[in-house]
C-alpha atoms as a PDB file:
ATOM      1  CA  MET A   1     -17.232 -40.490 -10.640  1.00  0.00           C
ATOM      2  CA  ASP A   2     -16.116 -43.512  -8.611  1.00  0.00           C
ATOM      3  CA  LYS A   3     -18.543 -42.575  -5.841  1.00  0.00           C
ATOM      4  CA  ILE A   4     -21.547 -42.596  -8.175  1.00  0.00           C
ATOM      5  CA  GLU A   5     -20.384 -45.831  -9.833  1.00  0.00           C
ATOM      6  CA  ASP A   6     -20.031 -47.514  -6.430  1.00  0.00           C
ATOM      7  CA  PHE A   7     -23.500 -46.286  -5.508  1.00  0.00           C
ATOM      8  CA  LEU A   8     -24.971 -47.637  -8.755  1.00  0.00           C
ATOM      9  CA  ASP A   9     -23.298 -51.024  -8.263  1.00  0.00           C
ATOM     10  CA  ASP A  10     -24.826 -51.251  -4.769  1.00  0.00           C
ATOM     11  CA  PHE A  11     -28.207 -50.034  -6.062  1.00  0.00           C
ATOM     12  CA  ASP A  12     -28.168 -52.608  -8.896  1.00  0.00           C
ATOM     13  CA  PHE A  13     -27.432 -55.388  -6.402  1.00  0.00           C
ATOM     14  CA  ILE A  14     -30.706 -54.710  -4.568  1.00  0.00           C
ATOM     15  CA  GLU A  15     -33.578 -56.519  -6.285  1.00  0.00           C
ATOM     16  CA  ASP A  16     -36.709 -55.387  -4.425  1.00  0.00           C
ATOM     17  CA  TRP A  17     -37.901 -51.818  -4.979  1.00  0.00           C
ATOM     18  CA  GLU A  18     -38.989 -51.411  -1.362  1.00  0.00           C
ATOM     19  CA  ASP A  19     -35.374 -52.161  -0.398  1.00  0.00           C
ATOM     20  CA  LYS A  20     -34.121 -49.750  -3.077  1.00  0.00           C
ATOM     21  CA  TYR A  21     -36.273 -46.999  -1.536  1.00  0.00           C
ATOM     22  CA  LEU A  22     -34.836 -47.828   1.899  1.00  0.00           C
ATOM     23  CA  PHE A  23     -31.318 -47.664   0.431  1.00  0.00           C
ATOM     24  CA  LEU A  24     -32.090 -44.248  -1.091  1.00  0.00           C
ATOM     25  CA  MET A  25     -33.409 -42.999   2.247  1.00  0.00           C
ATOM     26  CA  GLU A  26     -30.226 -44.245   3.927  1.00  0.00           C
ATOM     27  CA  LYS A  27     -28.147 -42.254   1.417  1.00  0.00           C
ATOM     28  CA  GLY A  28     -30.283 -39.210   2.168  1.00  0.00           C
ATOM     29  CA  ARG A  29     -29.518 -39.521   5.878  1.00  0.00           C
ATOM     30  CA  GLU A  30     -25.797 -39.435   5.028  1.00  0.00           C
ATOM     31  CA  ILE A  31     -25.866 -35.897   3.631  1.00  0.00           C
ATOM     32  CA  PRO A  32     -25.582 -33.110   6.189  1.00  0.00           C
ATOM     33  CA  GLN A  33     -28.773 -31.348   7.168  1.00  0.00           C
ATOM     34  CA  LEU A  34     -28.942 -27.858   5.690  1.00  0.00           C
ATOM     35  CA  PRO A  35     -28.818 -25.194   8.413  1.00  0.00           C
ATOM     36  CA  GLU A  36     -32.140 -23.394   8.953  1.00  0.00           C
ATOM     37  CA  GLU A  37     -30.632 -20.062   7.853  1.00  0.00           C
ATOM     38  CA  MET A  38     -30.014 -21.594   4.397  1.00  0.00           C
ATOM     39  CA  LYS A  39     -33.629 -22.736   4.038  1.00  0.00           C
ATOM     40  CA  VAL A  40     -34.665 -19.467   2.440  1.00  0.00           C
ATOM     41  CA  PRO A  41     -36.961 -18.872  -0.549  1.00  0.00           C
ATOM     42  CA  ALA A  42     -33.996 -18.214  -2.867  1.00  0.00           C
ATOM     43  CA  ASN A  43     -32.716 -21.759  -2.216  1.00  0.00           C
ATOM     44  CA  ILE A  44     -36.024 -23.553  -2.809  1.00  0.00           C
ATOM     45  CA  VAL A  45     -36.135 -25.826  -5.830  1.00  0.00           C
ATOM     46  CA  ASP A  46     -39.273 -24.867  -7.737  1.00  0.00           C
ATOM     47  CA  GLY A  47     -41.162 -27.775  -9.264  1.00  0.00           C
ATOM     48  CA  CYS A  48     -40.727 -30.243  -6.421  1.00  0.00           C
ATOM     49  CA  GLN A  49     -43.793 -31.567  -4.658  1.00  0.00           C
ATOM     50  CA  SER A  50     -41.740 -31.882  -1.472  1.00  0.00           C
ATOM     51  CA  ARG A  51     -39.747 -28.961  -0.177  1.00  0.00           C
ATOM     52  CA  VAL A  52     -36.167 -29.038  -1.425  1.00  0.00           C
ATOM     53  CA  TRP A  53     -33.534 -26.412  -0.721  1.00  0.00           C
ATOM     54  CA  MET A  54     -30.262 -26.235  -2.630  1.00  0.00           C
ATOM     55  CA  THR A  55     -27.276 -23.922  -2.660  1.00  0.00           C
ATOM     56  CA  ALA A  56     -23.670 -23.950  -3.868  1.00  0.00           C
ATOM     57  CA  LEU A  57     -20.566 -23.656  -1.771  1.00  0.00           C
ATOM     58  CA  PRO A  58     -17.642 -22.561  -3.960  1.00  0.00           C
ATOM     59  CA  ASN A  59     -14.415 -24.402  -3.244  1.00  0.00           C
ATOM     60  CA  GLY A  60     -11.696 -22.852  -5.389  1.00  0.00           C
ATOM     61  CA  ASP A  61     -12.754 -23.332  -9.001  1.00  0.00           C
ATOM     62  CA  ARG A  62     -15.127 -26.168  -8.065  1.00  0.00           C
ATOM     63  CA  LEU A  63     -18.628 -26.201  -6.648  1.00  0.00           C
ATOM     64  CA  THR A  64     -19.988 -28.294  -3.838  1.00  0.00           C
ATOM     65  CA  PHE A  65     -23.741 -28.278  -3.406  1.00  0.00           C
ATOM     66  CA  ALA A  66     -25.584 -28.439  -0.124  1.00  0.00           C
ATOM     67  CA  ALA A  67     -29.216 -29.476  -0.124  1.00  0.00           C
ATOM     68  CA  ASP A  68     -32.004 -30.787   2.049  1.00  0.00           C
ATOM     69  CA  SER A  69     -35.580 -31.985   1.743  1.00  0.00           C
ATOM     70  CA  ASP A  70     -38.531 -32.549   4.040  1.00  0.00           C
ATOM     71  CA  SER A  71     -39.101 -35.979   2.421  1.00  0.00           C
ATOM     72  CA  GLN A  72     -36.836 -38.937   3.146  1.00  0.00           C
ATOM     73  CA  ILE A  73     -37.110 -40.491  -0.309  1.00  0.00           C
ATOM     74  CA  VAL A  74     -36.564 -37.135  -2.008  1.00  0.00           C
ATOM     75  CA  LYS A  75     -33.546 -36.467   0.223  1.00  0.00           C
ATOM     76  CA  GLY A  76     -32.172 -39.787  -1.035  1.00  0.00           C
ATOM     77  CA  LEU A  77     -32.647 -38.600  -4.612  1.00  0.00           C
ATOM     78  CA  VAL A  78     -30.949 -35.335  -3.626  1.00  0.00           C
ATOM     79  CA  ALA A  79     -28.000 -37.397  -2.370  1.00  0.00           C
ATOM     80  CA  VAL A  80     -27.687 -39.090  -5.782  1.00  0.00           C
ATOM     81  CA  VAL A  81     -27.762 -35.740  -7.586  1.00  0.00           C
ATOM     82  CA  LEU A  82     -25.127 -34.317  -5.220  1.00  0.00           C
ATOM     83  CA  MET A  83     -22.885 -37.385  -5.660  1.00  0.00           C
ATOM     84  CA  PHE A  84     -22.963 -36.807  -9.399  1.00  0.00           C
ATOM     85  CA  TYR A  85     -22.462 -33.030  -9.552  1.00  0.00           C
ATOM     86  CA  ASN A  86     -20.394 -32.160  -6.464  1.00  0.00           C
ATOM     87  CA  ASP A  87     -16.754 -31.099  -6.762  1.00  0.00           C
ATOM     88  CA  HIS A  88     -16.844 -30.157 -10.436  1.00  0.00           C
ATOM     89  CA  THR A  89     -16.188 -26.850 -12.149  1.00  0.00           C
ATOM     90  CA  PRO A  90     -19.156 -24.869 -13.482  1.00  0.00           C
ATOM     91  CA  ASN A  91     -17.987 -25.638 -17.020  1.00  0.00           C
ATOM     92  CA  GLU A  92     -17.867 -29.382 -16.287  1.00  0.00           C
ATOM     93  CA  ILE A  93     -21.336 -29.232 -14.717  1.00  0.00           C
ATOM     94  CA  ALA A  94     -22.715 -27.464 -17.783  1.00  0.00           C
ATOM     95  CA  ASN A  95     -21.548 -30.416 -19.907  1.00  0.00           C
ATOM     96  CA  MET A  96     -22.574 -33.233 -17.552  1.00  0.00           C
ATOM     97  CA  ASP A  97     -25.695 -35.319 -18.134  1.00  0.00           C
ATOM     98  CA  ILE A  98     -27.100 -37.331 -15.221  1.00  0.00           C
ATOM     99  CA  THR A  99     -29.773 -38.966 -17.413  1.00  0.00           C
ATOM    100  CA  PRO A 100     -27.816 -42.241 -17.833  1.00  0.00           C
ATOM    101  CA  VAL A 101     -27.631 -42.551 -14.024  1.00  0.00           C
ATOM    102  CA  PHE A 102     -31.399 -42.141 -13.708  1.00  0.00           C
ATOM    103  CA  GLN A 103     -31.937 -44.613 -16.561  1.00  0.00           C
ATOM    104  CA  ARG A 104     -29.675 -47.206 -14.957  1.00  0.00           C
ATOM    105  CA  MET A 105     -31.644 -46.779 -11.725  1.00  0.00           C
ATOM    106  CA  ASP A 106     -34.885 -47.236 -13.734  1.00  0.00           C
ATOM    107  CA  LEU A 107     -36.384 -44.250 -11.944  1.00  0.00           C
ATOM    108  CA  GLU A 108     -38.835 -43.379 -14.713  1.00  0.00           C
ATOM    109  CA  ARG A 109     -40.776 -46.583 -14.015  1.00  0.00           C
ATOM    110  CA  HIS A 110     -40.578 -46.363 -10.237  1.00  0.00           C
ATOM    111  CA  LEU A 111     -41.135 -42.706  -9.372  1.00  0.00           C
ATOM    112  CA  SER A 112     -44.390 -40.816  -9.465  1.00  0.00           C
ATOM    113  CA  GLY A 113     -44.732 -38.122 -12.097  1.00  0.00           C
ATOM    114  CA  ASN A 114     -44.398 -35.455  -9.417  1.00  0.00           C
ATOM    115  CA  ARG A 115     -41.162 -36.949  -8.067  1.00  0.00           C
ATOM    116  CA  SER A 116     -39.767 -37.305 -11.616  1.00  0.00           C
ATOM    117  CA  ASN A 117     -40.544 -33.649 -12.275  1.00  0.00           C
ATOM    118  CA  GLY A 118     -38.920 -32.723  -8.978  1.00  0.00           C
ATOM    119  CA  LEU A 119     -35.791 -34.635  -9.920  1.00  0.00           C
ATOM    120  CA  LYS A 120     -35.578 -32.718 -13.192  1.00  0.00           C
ATOM    121  CA  ALA A 121     -36.103 -29.475 -11.259  1.00  0.00           C
ATOM    122  CA  MET A 122     -33.175 -30.330  -8.958  1.00  0.00           C
ATOM    123  CA  VAL A 123     -30.890 -30.863 -11.940  1.00  0.00           C
ATOM    124  CA  GLN A 124     -32.096 -27.594 -13.495  1.00  0.00           C
ATOM    125  CA  LYS A 125     -31.378 -25.765 -10.212  1.00  0.00           C
ATOM    126  CA  ILE A 126     -27.827 -27.142 -10.137  1.00  0.00           C
ATOM    127  CA  LYS A 127     -27.283 -26.153 -13.765  1.00  0.00           C
ATOM    128  CA  SER A 128     -28.692 -22.695 -13.068  1.00  0.00           C
ATOM    129  CA  ILE A 129     -26.594 -22.162  -9.949  1.00  0.00           C
ATOM    130  CA  SER A 130     -23.409 -23.373 -11.638  1.00  0.00           C
ATOM    131  CA  GLY A 131     -24.181 -21.236 -14.701  1.00  0.00           C
ATOM    132  CA  SER A 132     -24.058 -18.149 -12.496  1.00  0.00           C
ATOM    133  CA  TYR A 133     -20.383 -18.990 -11.782  1.00  0.00           C
ATOM    134  CA  LEU A 134     -19.373 -19.182 -15.464  1.00  0.00           C
END
């Protein structure tokens, strides 16, 4: 959780929301691009206005998620979700709640309704994927 806490500290330090969006987009550029062969219908996150693909890569008893989006801001949000949920067991993921992270970022006030719904859909996809490993 140190990675997400460091991210939140940096995010909190930025005062202007235009700069926060730029910071999110920078974080999105840091995650590896999903290979084209993984951008299949089964990996699409339903409920996102932008296209988002997400899949799990088992690593022992832990899951690492790989994801991509065709929107830079959304890919930044994907990066936040991955920072929070990556490298945990399916049981841990089932009991994790990212809501306090989103609240600290004040996303409800600064994202469109469609992007907020997409964010919830990403979390649901992670929970669903990890649930299949329980």
